[in-house]
Amino acid sequence: MYRPGRRWTTWVSYYDILVVEIYDSARRHGVSDSDIEHGIDHAMVVAEDDEDKVLYLGPDRAGNFLEIVTVQRDDDTEVVIHAMPMRRIYEDLLPEAGDDEV
């Protein structure tokens, strides 16, 4: 997860993951599988760290932002290990209204 000083490489994502596995740990905060998949498919930000973890910031089906963390496997598939309502510490990663990058 986010730790002060951790280096995230951020970019806006417009691609879909074809197959995503969701571990039980990702359901700990009550986010449904459908909302997890929606958040990944519609992510506004995708950030990768140097530990093969990927952070997605995207909306659930009701439009509430989620933070979703996946781990990249050697075969380029991803497994979701964490999902919860987005915390304020991630707000700075979101593009601002009117940004050309969106």
PDB file of N, CA and C in Angstrom:
ATOM      1  N   MET A   1       0.823  -1.174   0.000  1.00  0.00           N
ATOM      2  CA  MET A   1       0.000   0.000   0.000  1.00  0.00           C
ATOM      3  C   MET A   1       0.873   1.245   0.000  1.00  0.00           C
ATOM      4  N   TYR A   2       0.232   2.379   0.048  1.00  0.00           N
ATOM      5  CA  TYR A   2       0.955   3.643   0.023  1.00  0.00           C
ATOM      6  C   TYR A   2       1.760   3.799   1.294  1.00  0.00           C
ATOM      7  N   ARG A   3       3.001   4.147   1.119  1.00  0.00           N
ATOM      8  CA  ARG A   3       3.860   4.479   2.244  1.00  0.00           C
ATOM      9  C   ARG A   3       4.594   5.762   1.876  1.00  0.00           C
ATOM     10  N   PRO A   4       4.684   6.707   2.788  1.00  0.00           N
ATOM     11  CA  PRO A   4       5.426   7.926   2.479  1.00  0.00           C
ATOM     12  C   PRO A   4       6.816   7.579   1.961  1.00  0.00           C
ATOM     13  N   GLY A   5       7.204   8.224   0.904  1.00  0.00           N
ATOM     14  CA  GLY A   5       8.515   7.967   0.334  1.00  0.00           C
ATOM     15  C   GLY A   5       8.535   6.851  -0.692  1.00  0.00           C
ATOM     16  N   ARG A   6       7.478   6.085  -0.799  1.00  0.00           N
ATOM     17  CA  ARG A   6       7.436   4.999  -1.773  1.00  0.00           C
ATOM     18  C   ARG A   6       7.349   5.594  -3.164  1.00  0.00           C
ATOM     19  N   ARG A   7       8.041   5.028  -4.102  1.00  0.00           N
ATOM     20  CA  ARG A   7       8.063   5.554  -5.455  1.00  0.00           C
ATOM     21  C   ARG A   7       7.032   4.827  -6.304  1.00  0.00           C
ATOM     22  N   TRP A   8       6.042   5.566  -6.733  1.00  0.00           N
ATOM     23  CA  TRP A   8       5.028   5.051  -7.642  1.00  0.00           C
ATOM     24  C   TRP A   8       5.240   5.701  -8.998  1.00  0.00           C
ATOM     25  N   THR A   9       5.205   4.910 -10.030  1.00  0.00           N
ATOM     26  CA  THR A   9       5.197   5.438 -11.380  1.00  0.00           C
ATOM     27  C   THR A   9       3.743   5.498 -11.788  1.00  0.00           C
ATOM     28  N   THR A  10       3.241   6.672 -12.105  1.00  0.00           N
ATOM     29  CA  THR A  10       1.814   6.811 -12.377  1.00  0.00           C
ATOM     30  C   THR A  10       1.553   7.074 -13.847  1.00  0.00           C
ATOM     31  N   TRP A  11       0.409   6.607 -14.299  1.00  0.00           N
ATOM     32  CA  TRP A  11      -0.069   6.901 -15.640  1.00  0.00           C
ATOM     33  C   TRP A  11      -1.560   6.671 -15.656  1.00  0.00           C
ATOM     34  N   VAL A  12      -2.226   7.238 -16.634  1.00  0.00           N
ATOM     35  CA  VAL A  12      -3.655   7.018 -16.804  1.00  0.00           C
ATOM     36  C   VAL A  12      -3.822   5.809 -17.691  1.00  0.00           C
ATOM     37  N   SER A  13      -4.730   4.941 -17.314  1.00  0.00           N
ATOM     38  CA  SER A  13      -4.910   3.683 -18.022  1.00  0.00           C
ATOM     39  C   SER A  13      -6.206   3.688 -18.823  1.00  0.00           C
ATOM     40  N   TYR A  14      -6.121   3.182 -20.032  1.00  0.00           N
ATOM     41  CA  TYR A  14      -7.311   3.036 -20.866  1.00  0.00           C
ATOM     42  C   TYR A  14      -7.400   1.620 -21.424  1.00  0.00           C
ATOM     43  N   TYR A  15      -6.859   0.667 -20.708  1.00  0.00           N
ATOM     44  CA  TYR A  15      -6.920  -0.707 -21.172  1.00  0.00           C
ATOM     45  C   TYR A  15      -7.673  -1.559 -20.170  1.00  0.00           C
ATOM     46  N   ASP A  16      -8.106  -2.705 -20.647  1.00  0.00           N
ATOM     47  CA  ASP A  16      -8.821  -3.641 -19.786  1.00  0.00           C
ATOM     48  C   ASP A  16      -7.947  -4.851 -19.510  1.00  0.00           C
ATOM     49  N   ILE A  17      -7.967  -5.308 -18.284  1.00  0.00           N
ATOM     50  CA  ILE A  17      -7.316  -6.567 -17.946  1.00  0.00           C
ATOM     51  C   ILE A  17      -8.291  -7.668 -18.357  1.00  0.00           C
ATOM     52  N   LEU A  18      -7.820  -8.629 -19.112  1.00  0.00           N
ATOM     53  CA  LEU A  18      -8.709  -9.682 -19.592  1.00  0.00           C
ATOM     54  C   LEU A  18      -9.104 -10.643 -18.488  1.00  0.00           C
ATOM     55  N   VAL A  19      -8.159 -11.015 -17.646  1.00  0.00           N
ATOM     56  CA  VAL A  19      -8.445 -11.958 -16.572  1.00  0.00           C
ATOM     57  C   VAL A  19      -7.875 -11.392 -15.282  1.00  0.00           C
ATOM     58  N   VAL A  20      -8.714 -11.334 -14.254  1.00  0.00           N
ATOM     59  CA  VAL A  20      -8.236 -10.882 -12.956  1.00  0.00           C
ATOM     60  C   VAL A  20      -8.760 -11.855 -11.904  1.00  0.00           C
ATOM     61  N   GLU A  21      -7.856 -12.303 -11.057  1.00  0.00           N
ATOM     62  CA  GLU A  21      -8.237 -13.165  -9.936  1.00  0.00           C
ATOM     63  C   GLU A  21      -8.310 -12.288  -8.697  1.00  0.00           C
ATOM     64  N   ILE A  22      -9.284 -12.542  -7.848  1.00  0.00           N
ATOM     65  CA  ILE A  22      -9.476 -11.727  -6.657  1.00  0.00           C
ATOM     66  C   ILE A  22      -9.279 -12.606  -5.427  1.00  0.00           C
ATOM     67  N   TYR A  23      -8.235 -12.305  -4.659  1.00  0.00           N
ATOM     68  CA  TYR A  23      -7.979 -13.046  -3.423  1.00  0.00           C
ATOM     69  C   TYR A  23      -8.967 -12.622  -2.346  1.00  0.00           C
ATOM     70  N   ASP A  24      -9.177 -13.492  -1.378  1.00  0.00           N
ATOM     71  CA  ASP A  24     -10.079 -13.192  -0.266  1.00  0.00           C
ATOM     72  C   ASP A  24      -9.660 -11.931   0.482  1.00  0.00           C
ATOM     73  N   SER A  25      -8.353 -11.672   0.572  1.00  0.00           N
ATOM     74  CA  SER A  25      -7.878 -10.477   1.281  1.00  0.00           C
ATOM     75  C   SER A  25      -8.433  -9.198   0.667  1.00  0.00           C
ATOM     76  N   ALA A  26      -8.734  -9.218  -0.631  1.00  0.00           N
ATOM     77  CA  ALA A  26      -9.278  -8.038  -1.310  1.00  0.00           C
ATOM     78  C   ALA A  26     -10.721  -7.761  -0.893  1.00  0.00           C
ATOM     79  N   ARG A  27     -11.385  -8.761  -0.356  1.00  0.00           N
ATOM     80  CA  ARG A  27     -12.792  -8.620   0.044  1.00  0.00           C
ATOM     81  C   ARG A  27     -12.946  -8.208   1.512  1.00  0.00           C
ATOM     82  N   ARG A  28     -11.839  -8.049   2.204  1.00  0.00           N
ATOM     83  CA  ARG A  28     -11.846  -7.762   3.641  1.00  0.00           C
ATOM     84  C   ARG A  28     -12.647  -6.501   3.994  1.00  0.00           C
ATOM     85  N   HIS A  29     -12.641  -5.507   3.108  1.00  0.00           N
ATOM     86  CA  HIS A  29     -13.323  -4.241   3.397  1.00  0.00           C
ATOM     87  C   HIS A  29     -14.722  -4.174   2.791  1.00  0.00           C
ATOM     88  N   GLY A  30     -15.246  -5.310   2.327  1.00  0.00           N
ATOM     89  CA  GLY A  30     -16.625  -5.370   1.855  1.00  0.00           C
ATOM     90  C   GLY A  30     -16.862  -4.897   0.438  1.00  0.00           C
ATOM     91  N   VAL A  31     -15.810  -4.720  -0.348  1.00  0.00           N
ATOM     92  CA  VAL A  31     -15.976  -4.313  -1.742  1.00  0.00           C
ATOM     93  C   VAL A  31     -16.298  -5.555  -2.568  1.00  0.00           C
ATOM     94  N   SER A  32     -17.366  -5.475  -3.355  1.00  0.00           N
ATOM     95  CA  SER A  32     -17.795  -6.637  -4.138  1.00  0.00           C
ATOM     96  C   SER A  32     -16.863  -6.878  -5.325  1.00  0.00           C
ATOM     97  N   ASP A  33     -16.856  -8.109  -5.811  1.00  0.00           N
ATOM     98  CA  ASP A  33     -16.044  -8.451  -6.980  1.00  0.00           C
ATOM     99  C   ASP A  33     -16.417  -7.586  -8.181  1.00  0.00           C
ATOM    100  N   SER A  34     -17.713  -7.340  -8.368  1.00  0.00           N
ATOM    101  CA  SER A  34     -18.156  -6.514  -9.494  1.00  0.00           C
ATOM    102  C   SER A  34     -17.619  -5.091  -9.386  1.00  0.00           C
ATOM    103  N   ASP A  35     -17.599  -4.549  -8.169  1.00  0.00           N
ATOM    104  CA  ASP A  35     -17.073  -3.202  -7.983  1.00  0.00           C
ATOM    105  C   ASP A  35     -15.557  -3.169  -8.176  1.00  0.00           C
ATOM    106  N   ILE A  36     -14.871  -4.216  -7.752  1.00  0.00           N
ATOM    107  CA  ILE A  36     -13.422  -4.306  -7.968  1.00  0.00           C
ATOM    108  C   ILE A  36     -13.127  -4.317  -9.464  1.00  0.00           C
ATOM    109  N   GLU A  37     -13.821  -5.161 -10.200  1.00  0.00           N
ATOM    110  CA  GLU A  37     -13.607  -5.249 -11.642  1.00  0.00           C
ATOM    111  C   GLU A  37     -13.940  -3.922 -12.327  1.00  0.00           C
ATOM    112  N   HIS A  38     -15.010  -3.267 -11.889  1.00  0.00           N
ATOM    113  CA  HIS A  38     -15.392  -1.970 -12.459  1.00  0.00           C
ATOM    114  C   HIS A  38     -14.316  -0.921 -12.177  1.00  0.00           C
ATOM    115  N   GLY A  39     -13.795  -0.917 -10.952  1.00  0.00           N
ATOM    116  CA  GLY A  39     -12.744   0.035 -10.596  1.00  0.00           C
ATOM    117  C   GLY A  39     -11.491  -0.130 -11.429  1.00  0.00           C
ATOM    118  N   ILE A  40     -11.129  -1.371 -11.720  1.00  0.00           N
ATOM    119  CA  ILE A  40      -9.954  -1.630 -12.562  1.00  0.00           C
ATOM    120  C   ILE A  40     -10.242  -1.233 -14.003  1.00  0.00           C
ATOM    121  N   ASP A  41     -11.393  -1.642 -14.512  1.00  0.00           N
ATOM    122  CA  ASP A  41     -11.737  -1.352 -15.911  1.00  0.00           C
ATOM    123  C   ASP A  41     -11.863   0.140 -16.185  1.00  0.00           C
ATOM    124  N   HIS A  42     -12.224   0.932 -15.175  1.00  0.00           N
ATOM    125  CA  HIS A  42     -12.455   2.366 -15.359  1.00  0.00           C
ATOM    126  C   HIS A  42     -11.472   3.210 -14.544  1.00  0.00           C
ATOM    127  N   ALA A  43     -10.300   2.666 -14.279  1.00  0.00           N
ATOM    128  CA  ALA A  43      -9.317   3.360 -13.448  1.00  0.00           C
ATOM    129  C   ALA A  43      -8.908   4.697 -14.054  1.00  0.00           C
ATOM    130  N   MET A  44      -8.854   5.698 -13.203  1.00  0.00           N
ATOM    131  CA  MET A  44      -8.363   7.019 -13.601  1.00  0.00           C
ATOM    132  C   MET A  44      -6.839   7.089 -13.475  1.00  0.00           C
ATOM    133  N   VAL A  45      -6.305   6.289 -12.564  1.00  0.00           N
ATOM    134  CA  VAL A  45      -4.867   6.255 -12.333  1.00  0.00           C
ATOM    135  C   VAL A  45      -4.439   4.813 -12.146  1.00  0.00           C
ATOM    136  N   VAL A  46      -3.310   4.482 -12.730  1.00  0.00           N
ATOM    137  CA  VAL A  46      -2.659   3.205 -12.502  1.00  0.00           C
ATOM    138  C   VAL A  46      -1.219   3.528 -12.144  1.00  0.00           C
ATOM    139  N   ALA A  47      -0.760   3.024 -11.006  1.00  0.00           N
ATOM    140  CA  ALA A  47       0.598   3.316 -10.540  1.00  0.00           C
ATOM    141  C   ALA A  47       1.284   2.010 -10.180  1.00  0.00           C
ATOM    142  N   GLU A  48       2.491   1.836 -10.679  1.00  0.00           N
ATOM    143  CA  GLU A  48       3.252   0.611 -10.429  1.00  0.00           C
ATOM    144  C   GLU A  48       4.437   0.939  -9.537  1.00  0.00           C
ATOM    145  N   ASP A  49       4.721   0.049  -8.591  1.00  0.00           N
ATOM    146  CA  ASP A  49       5.907   0.246  -7.763  1.00  0.00           C
ATOM    147  C   ASP A  49       6.979  -0.748  -8.170  1.00  0.00           C
ATOM    148  N   ASP A  50       8.090  -0.722  -7.480  1.00  0.00           N
ATOM    149  CA  ASP A  50       9.209  -1.588  -7.845  1.00  0.00           C
ATOM    150  C   ASP A  50       9.097  -2.995  -7.261  1.00  0.00           C
ATOM    151  N   GLU A  51       7.979  -3.305  -6.626  1.00  0.00           N
ATOM    152  CA  GLU A  51       7.758  -4.631  -6.048  1.00  0.00           C
ATOM    153  C   GLU A  51       6.696  -5.414  -6.818  1.00  0.00           C
ATOM    154  N   ASP A  52       6.452  -5.042  -8.080  1.00  0.00           N
ATOM    155  CA  ASP A  52       5.447  -5.688  -8.934  1.00  0.00           C
ATOM    156  C   ASP A  52       4.027  -5.527  -8.411  1.00  0.00           C
ATOM    157  N   LYS A  53       3.792  -4.481  -7.629  1.00  0.00           N
ATOM    158  CA  LYS A  53       2.437  -4.160  -7.187  1.00  0.00           C
ATOM    159  C   LYS A  53       1.909  -3.020  -8.051  1.00  0.00           C
ATOM    160  N   VAL A  54       0.609  -3.079  -8.339  1.00  0.00           N
ATOM    161  CA  VAL A  54      -0.030  -2.057  -9.153  1.00  0.00           C
ATOM    162  C   VAL A  54      -1.201  -1.485  -8.368  1.00  0.00           C
ATOM    163  N   LEU A  55      -1.267  -0.160  -8.273  1.00  0.00           N
ATOM    164  CA  LEU A  55      -2.340   0.539  -7.598  1.00  0.00           C
ATOM    165  C   LEU A  55      -3.283   1.101  -8.651  1.00  0.00           C
ATOM    166  N   TYR A  56      -4.555   0.766  -8.534  1.00  0.00           N
ATOM    167  CA  TYR A  56      -5.598   1.323  -9.398  1.00  0.00           C
ATOM    168  C   TYR A  56      -6.472   2.235  -8.549  1.00  0.00           C
ATOM    169  N   LEU A  57      -6.756   3.422  -9.058  1.00  0.00           N
ATOM    170  CA  LEU A  57      -7.726   4.322  -8.451  1.00  0.00           C
ATOM    171  C   LEU A  57      -8.848   4.481  -9.461  1.00  0.00           C
ATOM    172  N   GLY A  58      -9.983   3.904  -9.137  1.00  0.00           N
ATOM    173  CA  GLY A  58     -11.102   3.946 -10.067  1.00  0.00           C
ATOM    174  C   GLY A  58     -12.415   3.830  -9.328  1.00  0.00           C
ATOM    175  N   PRO A  59     -13.511   4.159 -10.013  1.00  0.00           N
ATOM    176  CA  PRO A  59     -14.819   4.175  -9.364  1.00  0.00           C
ATOM    177  C   PRO A  59     -15.458   2.790  -9.263  1.00  0.00           C
ATOM    178  N   ASP A  60     -16.242   2.614  -8.194  1.00  0.00           N
ATOM    179  CA  ASP A  60     -17.095   1.433  -8.138  1.00  0.00           C
ATOM    180  C   ASP A  60     -18.312   1.708  -9.026  1.00  0.00           C
ATOM    181  N   ARG A  61     -19.280   0.817  -9.048  1.00  0.00           N
ATOM    182  CA  ARG A  61     -20.436   0.981  -9.935  1.00  0.00           C
ATOM    183  C   ARG A  61     -21.327   2.155  -9.535  1.00  0.00           C
ATOM    184  N   ALA A  62     -21.172   2.657  -8.303  1.00  0.00           N
ATOM    185  CA  ALA A  62     -21.944   3.819  -7.852  1.00  0.00           C
ATOM    186  C   ALA A  62     -21.162   5.124  -8.017  1.00  0.00           C
ATOM    187  N   GLY A  63     -19.924   5.048  -8.494  1.00  0.00           N
ATOM    188  CA  GLY A  63     -19.122   6.242  -8.714  1.00  0.00           C
ATOM    189  C   GLY A  63     -18.222   6.636  -7.558  1.00  0.00           C
ATOM    190  N   ASN A  64     -18.165   5.823  -6.511  1.00  0.00           N
ATOM    191  CA  ASN A  64     -17.287   6.088  -5.371  1.00  0.00           C
ATOM    192  C   ASN A  64     -15.895   5.552  -5.679  1.00  0.00           C
ATOM    193  N   PHE A  65     -14.870   6.356  -5.450  1.00  0.00           N
ATOM    194  CA  PHE A  65     -13.523   5.916  -5.783  1.00  0.00           C
ATOM    195  C   PHE A  65     -13.023   4.812  -4.850  1.00  0.00           C
ATOM    196  N   LEU A  66     -12.343   3.858  -5.465  1.00  0.00           N
ATOM    197  CA  LEU A  66     -11.725   2.742  -4.755  1.00  0.00           C
ATOM    198  C   LEU A  66     -10.223   2.796  -4.939  1.00  0.00           C
ATOM    199  N   GLU A  67      -9.509   2.241  -3.982  1.00  0.00           N
ATOM    200  CA  GLU A  67      -8.090   1.937  -4.156  1.00  0.00           C
ATOM    201  C   GLU A  67      -8.000   0.425  -4.255  1.00  0.00           C
ATOM    202  N   ILE A  68      -7.377  -0.037  -5.304  1.00  0.00           N
ATOM    203  CA  ILE A  68      -7.276  -1.468  -5.581  1.00  0.00           C
ATOM    204  C   ILE A  68      -5.808  -1.770  -5.848  1.00  0.00           C
ATOM    205  N   VAL A  69      -5.281  -2.781  -5.176  1.00  0.00           N
ATOM    206  CA  VAL A  69      -3.885  -3.166  -5.368  1.00  0.00           C
ATOM    207  C   VAL A  69      -3.837  -4.578  -5.917  1.00  0.00           C
ATOM    208  N   THR A  70      -3.055  -4.731  -6.987  1.00  0.00           N
ATOM    209  CA  THR A  70      -2.849  -6.054  -7.569  1.00  0.00           C
ATOM    210  C   THR A  70      -1.360  -6.383  -7.522  1.00  0.00           C
ATOM    211  N   VAL A  71      -1.070  -7.659  -7.697  1.00  0.00           N
ATOM    212  CA  VAL A  71       0.303  -8.120  -7.841  1.00  0.00           C
ATOM    213  C   VAL A  71       0.427  -8.704  -9.238  1.00  0.00           C
ATOM    214  N   GLN A  72       1.458  -8.282  -9.962  1.00  0.00           N
ATOM    215  CA  GLN A  72       1.698  -8.814 -11.291  1.00  0.00           C
ATOM    216  C   GLN A  72       2.421 -10.144 -11.180  1.00  0.00           C
ATOM    217  N   ARG A  73       1.916 -11.105 -11.927  1.00  0.00           N
ATOM    218  CA  ARG A  73       2.546 -12.419 -11.969  1.00  0.00           C
ATOM    219  C   ARG A  73       3.529 -12.473 -13.129  1.00  0.00           C
ATOM    220  N   ASP A  74       4.342 -13.509 -13.138  1.00  0.00           N
ATOM    221  CA  ASP A  74       5.327 -13.678 -14.210  1.00  0.00           C
ATOM    222  C   ASP A  74       4.678 -13.832 -15.584  1.00  0.00           C
ATOM    223  N   ASP A  75       3.433 -14.349 -15.617  1.00  0.00           N
ATOM    224  CA  ASP A  75       2.753 -14.534 -16.905  1.00  0.00           C
ATOM    225  C   ASP A  75       1.948 -13.303 -17.323  1.00  0.00           C
ATOM    226  N   ASP A  76       2.203 -12.159 -16.664  1.00  0.00           N
ATOM    227  CA  ASP A  76       1.561 -10.869 -16.940  1.00  0.00           C
ATOM    228  C   ASP A  76       0.097 -10.794 -16.537  1.00  0.00           C
ATOM    229  N   THR A  77      -0.427 -11.789 -15.821  1.00  0.00           N
ATOM    230  CA  THR A  77      -1.759 -11.666 -15.244  1.00  0.00           C
ATOM    231  C   THR A  77      -1.604 -10.957 -13.907  1.00  0.00           C
ATOM    232  N   GLU A  78      -2.727 -10.514 -13.358  1.00  0.00           N
ATOM    233  CA  GLU A  78      -2.693  -9.811 -12.080  1.00  0.00           C
ATOM    234  C   GLU A  78      -3.690 -10.439 -11.120  1.00  0.00           C
ATOM    235  N   VAL A  79      -3.339 -10.405  -9.840  1.00  0.00           N
ATOM    236  CA  VAL A  79      -4.232 -10.890  -8.801  1.00  0.00           C
ATOM    237  C   VAL A  79      -4.499  -9.730  -7.843  1.00  0.00           C
ATOM    238  N   VAL A  80      -5.778  -9.504  -7.537  1.00  0.00           N
ATOM    239  CA  VAL A  80      -6.165  -8.417  -6.636  1.00  0.00           C
ATOM    240  C   VAL A  80      -5.960  -8.887  -5.201  1.00  0.00           C
ATOM    241  N   ILE A  81      -5.188  -8.093  -4.436  1.00  0.00           N
ATOM    242  CA  ILE A  81      -4.920  -8.459  -3.046  1.00  0.00           C
ATOM    243  C   ILE A  81      -5.543  -7.473  -2.056  1.00  0.00           C
ATOM    244  N   HIS A  82      -6.008  -6.308  -2.556  1.00  0.00           N
ATOM    245  CA  HIS A  82      -6.526  -5.267  -1.657  1.00  0.00           C
ATOM    246  C   HIS A  82      -7.533  -4.409  -2.403  1.00  0.00           C
ATOM    247  N   ALA A  83      -8.653  -4.108  -1.753  1.00  0.00           N
ATOM    248  CA  ALA A  83      -9.640  -3.181  -2.311  1.00  0.00           C
ATOM    249  C   ALA A  83     -10.417  -2.551  -1.164  1.00  0.00           C
ATOM    250  N   MET A  84     -10.558  -1.241  -1.228  1.00  0.00           N
ATOM    251  CA  MET A  84     -11.314  -0.516  -0.209  1.00  0.00           C
ATOM    252  C   MET A  84     -11.656   0.866  -0.757  1.00  0.00           C
ATOM    253  N   PRO A  85     -12.565   1.580  -0.077  1.00  0.00           N
ATOM    254  CA  PRO A  85     -12.820   2.961  -0.488  1.00  0.00           C
ATOM    255  C   PRO A  85     -11.501   3.736  -0.466  1.00  0.00           C
ATOM    256  N   MET A  86     -11.313   4.585  -1.466  1.00  0.00           N
ATOM    257  CA  MET A  86     -10.065   5.326  -1.592  1.00  0.00           C
ATOM    258  C   MET A  86      -9.847   6.256  -0.405  1.00  0.00           C
ATOM    259  N   ARG A  87      -8.639   6.199   0.146  1.00  0.00           N
ATOM    260  CA  ARG A  87      -8.266   7.084   1.248  1.00  0.00           C
ATOM    261  C   ARG A  87      -7.733   8.413   0.700  1.00  0.00           C
ATOM    262  N   ARG A  88      -7.767   9.421   1.522  1.00  0.00           N
ATOM    263  CA  ARG A  88      -7.342  10.776   1.121  1.00  0.00           C
ATOM    264  C   ARG A  88      -5.885  10.834   0.684  1.00  0.00           C
ATOM    265  N   ILE A  89      -5.051   9.936   1.183  1.00  0.00           N
ATOM    266  CA  ILE A  89      -3.623   9.993   0.839  1.00  0.00           C
ATOM    267  C   ILE A  89      -3.384   9.801  -0.654  1.00  0.00           C
ATOM    268  N   TYR A  90      -4.367   9.262  -1.361  1.00  0.00           N
ATOM    269  CA  TYR A  90      -4.217   9.034  -2.798  1.00  0.00           C
ATOM    270  C   TYR A  90      -4.794  10.156  -3.654  1.00  0.00           C
ATOM    271  N   GLU A  91      -5.453  11.137  -3.059  1.00  0.00           N
ATOM    272  CA  GLU A  91      -6.100  12.193  -3.840  1.00  0.00           C
ATOM    273  C   GLU A  91      -5.125  12.938  -4.739  1.00  0.00           C
ATOM    274  N   ASP A  92      -3.894  13.123  -4.295  1.00  0.00           N
ATOM    275  CA  ASP A  92      -2.907  13.847  -5.100  1.00  0.00           C
ATOM    276  C   ASP A  92      -2.526  13.109  -6.379  1.00  0.00           C
ATOM    277  N   LEU A  93      -2.771  11.817  -6.429  1.00  0.00           N
ATOM    278  CA  LEU A  93      -2.465  11.060  -7.645  1.00  0.00           C
ATOM    279  C   LEU A  93      -3.524  11.228  -8.735  1.00  0.00           C
ATOM    280  N   LEU A  94      -4.728  11.634  -8.340  1.00  0.00           N
ATOM    281  CA  LEU A  94      -5.810  11.799  -9.309  1.00  0.00           C
ATOM    282  C   LEU A  94      -5.582  13.035 -10.169  1.00  0.00           C
ATOM    283  N   PRO A  95      -5.893  12.928 -11.454  1.00  0.00           N
ATOM    284  CA  PRO A  95      -5.793  14.122 -12.297  1.00  0.00           C
ATOM    285  C   PRO A  95      -6.830  15.147 -11.879  1.00  0.00           C
ATOM    286  N   GLU A  96      -6.480  16.410 -12.007  1.00  0.00           N
ATOM    287  CA  GLU A  96      -7.414  17.477 -11.671  1.00  0.00           C
ATOM    288  C   GLU A  96      -8.313  17.754 -12.873  1.00  0.00           C
ATOM    289  N   ALA A  97      -9.487  18.284 -12.610  1.00  0.00           N
ATOM    290  CA  ALA A  97     -10.404  18.639 -13.683  1.00  0.00           C
ATOM    291  C   ALA A  97      -9.708  19.573 -14.661  1.00  0.00           C
ATOM    292  N   GLY A  98      -9.842  19.275 -15.932  1.00  0.00           N
ATOM    293  CA  GLY A  98      -9.227  20.104 -16.961  1.00  0.00           C
ATOM    294  C   GLY A  98      -7.832  19.667 -17.357  1.00  0.00           C
ATOM    295  N   ASP A  99      -7.263  18.671 -16.669  1.00  0.00           N
ATOM    296  CA  ASP A  99      -5.932  18.178 -17.052  1.00  0.00           C
ATOM    297  C   ASP A  99      -5.996  17.573 -18.444  1.00  0.00           C
ATOM    298  N   ASP A 100      -4.958  17.818 -19.239  1.00  0.00           N
ATOM    299  CA  ASP A 100      -4.901  17.272 -20.593  1.00  0.00           C
ATOM    300  C   ASP A 100      -4.652  15.771 -20.601  1.00  0.00           C
ATOM    301  N   GLU A 101      -4.137  15.216 -19.501  1.00  0.00           N
ATOM    302  CA  GLU A 101      -3.784  13.800 -19.457  1.00  0.00           C
ATOM    303  C   GLU A 101      -4.984  12.890 -19.377  1.00  0.00           C
ATOM    304  N   VAL A 102      -6.138  13.390 -18.997  1.00  0.00           N
ATOM    305  CA  VAL A 102      -7.320  12.545 -18.813  1.00  0.00           C
ATOM    306  C   VAL A 102      -7.969  12.255 -20.124  1.00  0.00           C
TER     307      VAL A 102
END
